[in-house]
């Protein structure tokens, strides 16, 4: 699975949680999940759980805490999925 494929799936997972849907149209690896997409911080837990289910990976608390941008999420998933 390429980083572009993972990124596309990450955006799809986050879409229902994003309050700033206009920012989704221009989303890139630097897009901040909480600030730019206006995702409620409490929903971040649901997003992390969705990543685990979608990509069949385990995400520990330390890794989850480092996810700030769409790029962070993509890189973390790619690294976990290839190990």
PDB file of N, CA and C in Angstrom:
ATOM      1  N   UNK A   1       0.854  -1.179   0.000  1.00  0.00           N
ATOM      2  CA  UNK A   1       0.000   0.000   0.000  1.00  0.00           C
ATOM      3  C   UNK A   1       0.902   1.245   0.000  1.00  0.00           C
ATOM      4  N   UNK A   2       0.643   2.166  -0.917  1.00  0.00           N
ATOM      5  CA  UNK A   2       1.464   3.368  -1.020  1.00  0.00           C
ATOM      6  C   UNK A   2       1.028   4.419   0.002  1.00  0.00           C
ATOM      7  N   UNK A   3       1.897   5.409   0.219  1.00  0.00           N
ATOM      8  CA  UNK A   3       1.544   6.498   1.130  1.00  0.00           C
ATOM      9  C   UNK A   3       0.332   7.259   0.619  1.00  0.00           C
ATOM     10  N   UNK A   4       0.222   7.416  -0.700  1.00  0.00           N
ATOM     11  CA  UNK A   4      -0.947   8.116  -1.257  1.00  0.00           C
ATOM     12  C   UNK A   4      -2.240   7.364  -0.961  1.00  0.00           C
ATOM     13  N   UNK A   5      -2.192   6.035  -1.064  1.00  0.00           N
ATOM     14  CA  UNK A   5      -3.382   5.224  -0.765  1.00  0.00           C
ATOM     15  C   UNK A   5      -3.748   5.337   0.712  1.00  0.00           C
ATOM     16  N   UNK A   6      -2.743   5.294   1.572  1.00  0.00           N
ATOM     17  CA  UNK A   6      -2.996   5.428   3.009  1.00  0.00           C
ATOM     18  C   UNK A   6      -3.565   6.815   3.298  1.00  0.00           C
ATOM     19  N   UNK A   7      -2.965   7.850   2.709  1.00  0.00           N
ATOM     20  CA  UNK A   7      -3.432   9.222   2.923  1.00  0.00           C
ATOM     21  C   UNK A   7      -4.908   9.357   2.533  1.00  0.00           C
ATOM     22  N   UNK A   8      -5.276   8.800   1.386  1.00  0.00           N
ATOM     23  CA  UNK A   8      -6.668   8.865   0.925  1.00  0.00           C
ATOM     24  C   UNK A   8      -7.604   8.195   1.920  1.00  0.00           C
ATOM     25  N   UNK A   9      -7.195   7.053   2.453  1.00  0.00           N
ATOM     26  CA  UNK A   9      -8.024   6.343   3.432  1.00  0.00           C
ATOM     27  C   UNK A   9      -8.087   7.093   4.761  1.00  0.00           C
ATOM     28  N   UNK A  10      -6.980   7.737   5.149  1.00  0.00           N
ATOM     29  CA  UNK A  10      -6.950   8.547   6.375  1.00  0.00           C
ATOM     30  C   UNK A  10      -7.963   9.686   6.258  1.00  0.00           C
ATOM     31  N   UNK A  11      -7.947  10.380   5.131  1.00  0.00           N
ATOM     32  CA  UNK A  11      -8.888  11.492   4.924  1.00  0.00           C
ATOM     33  C   UNK A  11     -10.322  10.983   4.972  1.00  0.00           C
ATOM     34  N   UNK A  12     -10.564   9.831   4.364  1.00  0.00           N
ATOM     35  CA  UNK A  12     -11.921   9.254   4.362  1.00  0.00           C
ATOM     36  C   UNK A  12     -12.387   8.934   5.789  1.00  0.00           C
ATOM     37  N   UNK A  13     -11.487   8.418   6.608  1.00  0.00           N
ATOM     38  CA  UNK A  13     -11.825   8.088   7.997  1.00  0.00           C
ATOM     39  C   UNK A  13     -12.117   9.355   8.796  1.00  0.00           C
ATOM     40  N   UNK A  14     -11.332  10.399   8.579  1.00  0.00           N
ATOM     41  CA  UNK A  14     -11.468  11.631   9.353  1.00  0.00           C
ATOM     42  C   UNK A  14     -12.665  12.467   8.911  1.00  0.00           C
ATOM     43  N   UNK A  15     -13.076  12.334   7.666  1.00  0.00           N
ATOM     44  CA  UNK A  15     -14.137  13.180   7.097  1.00  0.00           C
ATOM     45  C   UNK A  15     -15.386  13.307   7.980  1.00  0.00           C
ATOM     46  N   UNK A  16     -15.951  12.214   8.510  1.00  0.00           N
ATOM     47  CA  UNK A  16     -17.165  12.376   9.323  1.00  0.00           C
ATOM     48  C   UNK A  16     -16.952  13.160  10.624  1.00  0.00           C
ATOM     49  N   UNK A  17     -15.692  13.268  11.061  1.00  0.00           N
ATOM     50  CA  UNK A  17     -15.387  13.944  12.320  1.00  0.00           C
ATOM     51  C   UNK A  17     -14.993  15.410  12.117  1.00  0.00           C
ATOM     52  N   UNK A  18     -14.708  15.791  10.873  1.00  0.00           N
ATOM     53  CA  UNK A  18     -14.215  17.144  10.581  1.00  0.00           C
ATOM     54  C   UNK A  18     -15.371  18.132  10.500  1.00  0.00           C
ATOM     55  N   UNK A  19     -15.248  19.214  11.255  1.00  0.00           N
ATOM     56  CA  UNK A  19     -16.269  20.264  11.198  1.00  0.00           C
ATOM     57  C   UNK A  19     -15.963  21.262  10.093  1.00  0.00           C
ATOM     58  N   UNK A  20     -14.694  21.396   9.717  1.00  0.00           N
ATOM     59  CA  UNK A  20     -14.299  22.298   8.643  1.00  0.00           C
ATOM     60  C   UNK A  20     -14.154  21.482   7.363  1.00  0.00           C
ATOM     61  N   UNK A  21     -15.279  21.227   6.716  1.00  0.00           N
ATOM     62  CA  UNK A  21     -15.261  20.382   5.521  1.00  0.00           C
ATOM     63  C   UNK A  21     -14.583  21.073   4.338  1.00  0.00           C
ATOM     64  N   UNK A  22     -14.554  22.396   4.332  1.00  0.00           N
ATOM     65  CA  UNK A  22     -13.877  23.111   3.249  1.00  0.00           C
ATOM     66  C   UNK A  22     -12.383  22.792   3.260  1.00  0.00           C
ATOM     67  N   UNK A  23     -11.798  22.648   4.440  1.00  0.00           N
ATOM     68  CA  UNK A  23     -10.370  22.340   4.551  1.00  0.00           C
ATOM     69  C   UNK A  23     -10.061  20.941   4.028  1.00  0.00           C
ATOM     70  N   UNK A  24     -11.039  20.053   4.049  1.00  0.00           N
ATOM     71  CA  UNK A  24     -10.816  18.702   3.520  1.00  0.00           C
ATOM     72  C   UNK A  24     -10.532  18.737   2.023  1.00  0.00           C
ATOM     73  N   UNK A  25     -11.127  19.696   1.323  1.00  0.00           N
ATOM     74  CA  UNK A  25     -10.933  19.796  -0.123  1.00  0.00           C
ATOM     75  C   UNK A  25      -9.515  20.140  -0.512  1.00  0.00           C
ATOM     76  N   UNK A  26      -8.787  20.782   0.394  1.00  0.00           N
ATOM     77  CA  UNK A  26      -7.396  21.154   0.119  1.00  0.00           C
ATOM     78  C   UNK A  26      -6.442  20.451   1.074  1.00  0.00           C
ATOM     79  N   UNK A  27      -6.888  19.362   1.665  1.00  0.00           N
ATOM     80  CA  UNK A  27      -6.085  18.647   2.658  1.00  0.00           C
ATOM     81  C   UNK A  27      -4.784  18.141   2.043  1.00  0.00           C
ATOM     82  N   UNK A  28      -3.711  18.251   2.835  1.00  0.00           N
ATOM     83  CA  UNK A  28      -2.414  17.709   2.435  1.00  0.00           C
ATOM     84  C   UNK A  28      -1.715  17.193   3.686  1.00  0.00           C
ATOM     85  N   UNK A  29      -0.482  16.754   3.552  1.00  0.00           N
ATOM     86  CA  UNK A  29       0.207  16.145   4.689  1.00  0.00           C
ATOM     87  C   UNK A  29       0.440  17.121   5.838  1.00  0.00           C
ATOM     88  N   UNK A  30       0.408  18.418   5.558  1.00  0.00           N
ATOM     89  CA  UNK A  30       0.615  19.421   6.604  1.00  0.00           C
ATOM     90  C   UNK A  30      -0.677  19.847   7.296  1.00  0.00           C
ATOM     91  N   UNK A  31      -1.826  19.383   6.806  1.00  0.00           N
ATOM     92  CA  UNK A  31      -3.107  19.759   7.393  1.00  0.00           C
ATOM     93  C   UNK A  31      -3.196  19.231   8.817  1.00  0.00           C
ATOM     94  N   UNK A  32      -3.451  20.149   9.765  1.00  0.00           N
ATOM     95  CA  UNK A  32      -3.541  19.780  11.177  1.00  0.00           C
ATOM     96  C   UNK A  32      -4.960  19.279  11.472  1.00  0.00           C
ATOM     97  N   UNK A  33      -5.034  18.141  12.120  1.00  0.00           N
ATOM     98  CA  UNK A  33      -6.320  17.477  12.349  1.00  0.00           C
ATOM     99  C   UNK A  33      -7.202  18.306  13.274  1.00  0.00           C
ATOM    100  N   UNK A  34      -6.672  18.745  14.402  1.00  0.00           N
ATOM    101  CA  UNK A  34      -7.496  19.484  15.363  1.00  0.00           C
ATOM    102  C   UNK A  34      -7.735  20.926  14.917  1.00  0.00           C
ATOM    103  N   UNK A  35      -6.671  21.617  14.538  1.00  0.00           N
ATOM    104  CA  UNK A  35      -6.785  23.041  14.239  1.00  0.00           C
ATOM    105  C   UNK A  35      -7.414  23.324  12.877  1.00  0.00           C
ATOM    106  N   UNK A  36      -6.891  22.696  11.817  1.00  0.00           N
ATOM    107  CA  UNK A  36      -7.351  23.008  10.457  1.00  0.00           C
ATOM    108  C   UNK A  36      -8.690  22.354  10.116  1.00  0.00           C
ATOM    109  N   UNK A  37      -8.855  21.111  10.557  1.00  0.00           N
ATOM    110  CA  UNK A  37     -10.091  20.386  10.221  1.00  0.00           C
ATOM    111  C   UNK A  37     -11.164  20.539  11.294  1.00  0.00           C
ATOM    112  N   UNK A  38     -10.812  21.177  12.395  1.00  0.00           N
ATOM    113  CA  UNK A  38     -11.739  21.399  13.509  1.00  0.00           C
ATOM    114  C   UNK A  38     -12.341  20.099  14.041  1.00  0.00           C
ATOM    115  N   UNK A  39     -11.480  19.100  14.185  1.00  0.00           N
ATOM    116  CA  UNK A  39     -11.905  17.845  14.789  1.00  0.00           C
ATOM    117  C   UNK A  39     -11.883  18.038  16.302  1.00  0.00           C
ATOM    118  N   UNK A  40     -12.947  17.635  16.971  1.00  0.00           N
ATOM    119  CA  UNK A  40     -13.033  17.690  18.423  1.00  0.00           C
ATOM    120  C   UNK A  40     -11.977  16.742  18.996  1.00  0.00           C
ATOM    121  N   UNK A  41     -11.183  17.216  19.952  1.00  0.00           N
ATOM    122  CA  UNK A  41     -10.097  16.400  20.493  1.00  0.00           C
ATOM    123  C   UNK A  41     -10.595  15.083  21.089  1.00  0.00           C
ATOM    124  N   UNK A  42     -11.792  15.077  21.607  1.00  0.00           N
ATOM    125  CA  UNK A  42     -12.361  13.836  22.147  1.00  0.00           C
ATOM    126  C   UNK A  42     -12.624  12.818  21.036  1.00  0.00           C
ATOM    127  N   UNK A  43     -12.857  13.273  19.840  1.00  0.00           N
ATOM    128  CA  UNK A  43     -13.116  12.393  18.704  1.00  0.00           C
ATOM    129  C   UNK A  43     -11.842  11.771  18.166  1.00  0.00           C
ATOM    130  N   UNK A  44     -10.693  12.330  18.560  1.00  0.00           N
ATOM    131  CA  UNK A  44      -9.422  11.789  18.098  1.00  0.00           C
ATOM    132  C   UNK A  44      -9.255  10.334  18.518  1.00  0.00           C
ATOM    133  N   UNK A  45      -9.776   9.981  19.672  1.00  0.00           N
ATOM    134  CA  UNK A  45      -9.729   8.587  20.132  1.00  0.00           C
ATOM    135  C   UNK A  45     -10.496   7.700  19.164  1.00  0.00           C
ATOM    136  N   UNK A  46     -11.677   8.155  18.742  1.00  0.00           N
ATOM    137  CA  UNK A  46     -12.472   7.381  17.778  1.00  0.00           C
ATOM    138  C   UNK A  46     -11.723   7.227  16.455  1.00  0.00           C
ATOM    139  N   UNK A  47     -11.028   8.281  16.045  1.00  0.00           N
ATOM    140  CA  UNK A  47     -10.268   8.239  14.794  1.00  0.00           C
ATOM    141  C   UNK A  47      -9.126   7.237  14.899  1.00  0.00           C
ATOM    142  N   UNK A  48      -8.410   7.249  16.016  1.00  0.00           N
ATOM    143  CA  UNK A  48      -7.312   6.298  16.219  1.00  0.00           C
ATOM    144  C   UNK A  48      -7.845   4.867  16.199  1.00  0.00           C
ATOM    145  N   UNK A  49      -8.968   4.629  16.848  1.00  0.00           N
ATOM    146  CA  UNK A  49      -9.586   3.288  16.832  1.00  0.00           C
ATOM    147  C   UNK A  49      -9.983   2.895  15.415  1.00  0.00           C
ATOM    148  N   UNK A  50     -10.482   3.848  14.650  1.00  0.00           N
ATOM    149  CA  UNK A  50     -10.854   3.580  13.254  1.00  0.00           C
ATOM    150  C   UNK A  50      -9.614   3.250  12.427  1.00  0.00           C
ATOM    151  N   UNK A  51      -8.492   3.935  12.684  1.00  0.00           N
ATOM    152  CA  UNK A  51      -7.242   3.611  11.990  1.00  0.00           C
ATOM    153  C   UNK A  51      -6.839   2.171  12.298  1.00  0.00           C
ATOM    154  N   UNK A  52      -6.930   1.783  13.570  1.00  0.00           N
ATOM    155  CA  UNK A  52      -6.558   0.422  13.960  1.00  0.00           C
ATOM    156  C   UNK A  52      -7.405  -0.612  13.223  1.00  0.00           C
ATOM    157  N   UNK A  53      -8.717  -0.366  13.155  1.00  0.00           N
ATOM    158  CA  UNK A  53      -9.613  -1.297  12.471  1.00  0.00           C
ATOM    159  C   UNK A  53      -9.357  -1.329  10.965  1.00  0.00           C
ATOM    160  N   UNK A  54      -9.244  -0.164  10.369  1.00  0.00           N
ATOM    161  CA  UNK A  54      -9.091  -0.056   8.916  1.00  0.00           C
ATOM    162  C   UNK A  54      -7.795  -0.688   8.407  1.00  0.00           C
ATOM    163  N   UNK A  55      -6.712  -0.466   9.158  1.00  0.00           N
ATOM    164  CA  UNK A  55      -5.404  -0.917   8.693  1.00  0.00           C
ATOM    165  C   UNK A  55      -4.886  -2.143   9.435  1.00  0.00           C
ATOM    166  N   UNK A  56      -5.695  -2.681  10.354  1.00  0.00           N
ATOM    167  CA  UNK A  56      -5.339  -3.877  11.118  1.00  0.00           C
ATOM    168  C   UNK A  56      -3.976  -3.709  11.808  1.00  0.00           C
ATOM    169  N   UNK A  57      -3.848  -2.605  12.548  1.00  0.00           N
ATOM    170  CA  UNK A  57      -2.622  -2.303  13.283  1.00  0.00           C
ATOM    171  C   UNK A  57      -2.980  -1.966  14.728  1.00  0.00           C
ATOM    172  N   UNK A  58      -1.984  -1.940  15.584  1.00  0.00           N
ATOM    173  CA  UNK A  58      -2.159  -1.502  16.970  1.00  0.00           C
ATOM    174  C   UNK A  58      -1.412  -0.188  17.143  1.00  0.00           C
ATOM    175  N   UNK A  59      -2.086   0.793  17.718  1.00  0.00           N
ATOM    176  CA  UNK A  59      -1.492   2.109  17.931  1.00  0.00           C
ATOM    177  C   UNK A  59      -1.431   2.367  19.428  1.00  0.00           C
ATOM    178  N   UNK A  60      -0.213   2.448  19.959  1.00  0.00           N
ATOM    179  CA  UNK A  60      -0.073   2.700  21.398  1.00  0.00           C
ATOM    180  C   UNK A  60      -0.310   4.181  21.694  1.00  0.00           C
ATOM    181  N   UNK A  61      -0.445   4.495  22.960  1.00  0.00           N
ATOM    182  CA  UNK A  61      -0.759   5.869  23.365  1.00  0.00           C
ATOM    183  C   UNK A  61       0.307   6.868  22.917  1.00  0.00           C
ATOM    184  N   UNK A  62       1.585   6.468  23.002  1.00  0.00           N
ATOM    185  CA  UNK A  62       2.661   7.378  22.594  1.00  0.00           C
ATOM    186  C   UNK A  62       2.558   7.722  21.113  1.00  0.00           C
ATOM    187  N   UNK A  63       2.304   6.720  20.285  1.00  0.00           N
ATOM    188  CA  UNK A  63       2.164   6.963  18.845  1.00  0.00           C
ATOM    189  C   UNK A  63       0.936   7.827  18.572  1.00  0.00           C
ATOM    190  N   UNK A  64      -0.146   7.559  19.266  1.00  0.00           N
ATOM    191  CA  UNK A  64      -1.382   8.341  19.074  1.00  0.00           C
ATOM    192  C   UNK A  64      -1.155   9.800  19.454  1.00  0.00           C
ATOM    193  N   UNK A  65      -0.387  10.034  20.513  1.00  0.00           N
ATOM    194  CA  UNK A  65      -0.124  11.401  20.963  1.00  0.00           C
ATOM    195  C   UNK A  65       0.704  12.202  19.964  1.00  0.00           C
ATOM    196  N   UNK A  66       1.451  11.514  19.106  1.00  0.00           N
ATOM    197  CA  UNK A  66       2.287  12.206  18.118  1.00  0.00           C
ATOM    198  C   UNK A  66       1.540  12.537  16.832  1.00  0.00           C
ATOM    199  N   UNK A  67       0.301  12.095  16.697  1.00  0.00           N
ATOM    200  CA  UNK A  67      -0.480  12.362  15.484  1.00  0.00           C
ATOM    201  C   UNK A  67      -1.105  13.749  15.586  1.00  0.00           C
ATOM    202  N   UNK A  68      -0.549  14.680  14.843  1.00  0.00           N
ATOM    203  CA  UNK A  68      -1.050  16.054  14.819  1.00  0.00           C
ATOM    204  C   UNK A  68      -1.582  16.438  13.438  1.00  0.00           C
ATOM    205  N   UNK A  69      -0.942  15.899  12.400  1.00  0.00           N
ATOM    206  CA  UNK A  69      -1.314  16.249  11.025  1.00  0.00           C
ATOM    207  C   UNK A  69      -1.735  14.995  10.263  1.00  0.00           C
ATOM    208  N   UNK A  70      -2.297  15.216   9.084  1.00  0.00           N
ATOM    209  CA  UNK A  70      -2.651  14.079   8.232  1.00  0.00           C
ATOM    210  C   UNK A  70      -1.394  13.314   7.821  1.00  0.00           C
ATOM    211  N   UNK A  71      -0.294  14.042   7.644  1.00  0.00           N
ATOM    212  CA  UNK A  71       0.977  13.396   7.326  1.00  0.00           C
ATOM    213  C   UNK A  71       1.488  12.532   8.464  1.00  0.00           C
ATOM    214  N   UNK A  72       1.349  13.041   9.701  1.00  0.00           N
ATOM    215  CA  UNK A  72       1.745  12.244  10.874  1.00  0.00           C
ATOM    216  C   UNK A  72       0.985  10.925  10.897  1.00  0.00           C
ATOM    217  N   UNK A  73      -0.323  11.012  10.679  1.00  0.00           N
ATOM    218  CA  UNK A  73      -1.159   9.807  10.694  1.00  0.00           C
ATOM    219  C   UNK A  73      -0.736   8.847   9.586  1.00  0.00           C
ATOM    220  N   UNK A  74      -0.530   9.379   8.396  1.00  0.00           N
ATOM    221  CA  UNK A  74      -0.148   8.546   7.250  1.00  0.00           C
ATOM    222  C   UNK A  74       1.178   7.839   7.505  1.00  0.00           C
ATOM    223  N   UNK A  75       2.185   8.588   7.949  1.00  0.00           N
ATOM    224  CA  UNK A  75       3.511   8.003   8.181  1.00  0.00           C
ATOM    225  C   UNK A  75       3.479   6.962   9.287  1.00  0.00           C
ATOM    226  N   UNK A  76       2.734   7.245  10.348  1.00  0.00           N
ATOM    227  CA  UNK A  76       2.620   6.289  11.459  1.00  0.00           C
ATOM    228  C   UNK A  76       1.967   4.995  10.978  1.00  0.00           C
ATOM    229  N   UNK A  77       0.905   5.112  10.202  1.00  0.00           N
ATOM    230  CA  UNK A  77       0.201   3.920   9.700  1.00  0.00           C
ATOM    231  C   UNK A  77       1.092   3.126   8.760  1.00  0.00           C
ATOM    232  N   UNK A  78       1.765   3.806   7.844  1.00  0.00           N
ATOM    233  CA  UNK A  78       2.653   3.115   6.902  1.00  0.00           C
ATOM    234  C   UNK A  78       3.758   2.377   7.662  1.00  0.00           C
ATOM    235  N   UNK A  79       4.345   3.023   8.656  1.00  0.00           N
ATOM    236  CA  UNK A  79       5.432   2.377   9.399  1.00  0.00           C
ATOM    237  C   UNK A  79       4.940   1.163  10.176  1.00  0.00           C
ATOM    238  N   UNK A  80       3.734   1.250  10.739  1.00  0.00           N
ATOM    239  CA  UNK A  80       3.182   0.126  11.507  1.00  0.00           C
ATOM    240  C   UNK A  80       2.699  -0.999  10.590  1.00  0.00           C
ATOM    241  N   UNK A  81       2.175  -0.635   9.437  1.00  0.00           N
ATOM    242  CA  UNK A  81       1.640  -1.636   8.517  1.00  0.00           C
ATOM    243  C   UNK A  81       2.748  -2.432   7.836  1.00  0.00           C
ATOM    244  N   UNK A  82       3.956  -1.880   7.784  1.00  0.00           N
ATOM    245  CA  UNK A  82       5.044  -2.576   7.105  1.00  0.00           C
ATOM    246  C   UNK A  82       5.915  -3.370   8.058  1.00  0.00           C
ATOM    247  N   UNK A  83       5.616  -3.312   9.356  1.00  0.00           N
ATOM    248  CA  UNK A  83       6.399  -4.073  10.332  1.00  0.00           C
ATOM    249  C   UNK A  83       5.709  -5.331  10.752  1.00  0.00           C
TER     250      UNK A  83
END
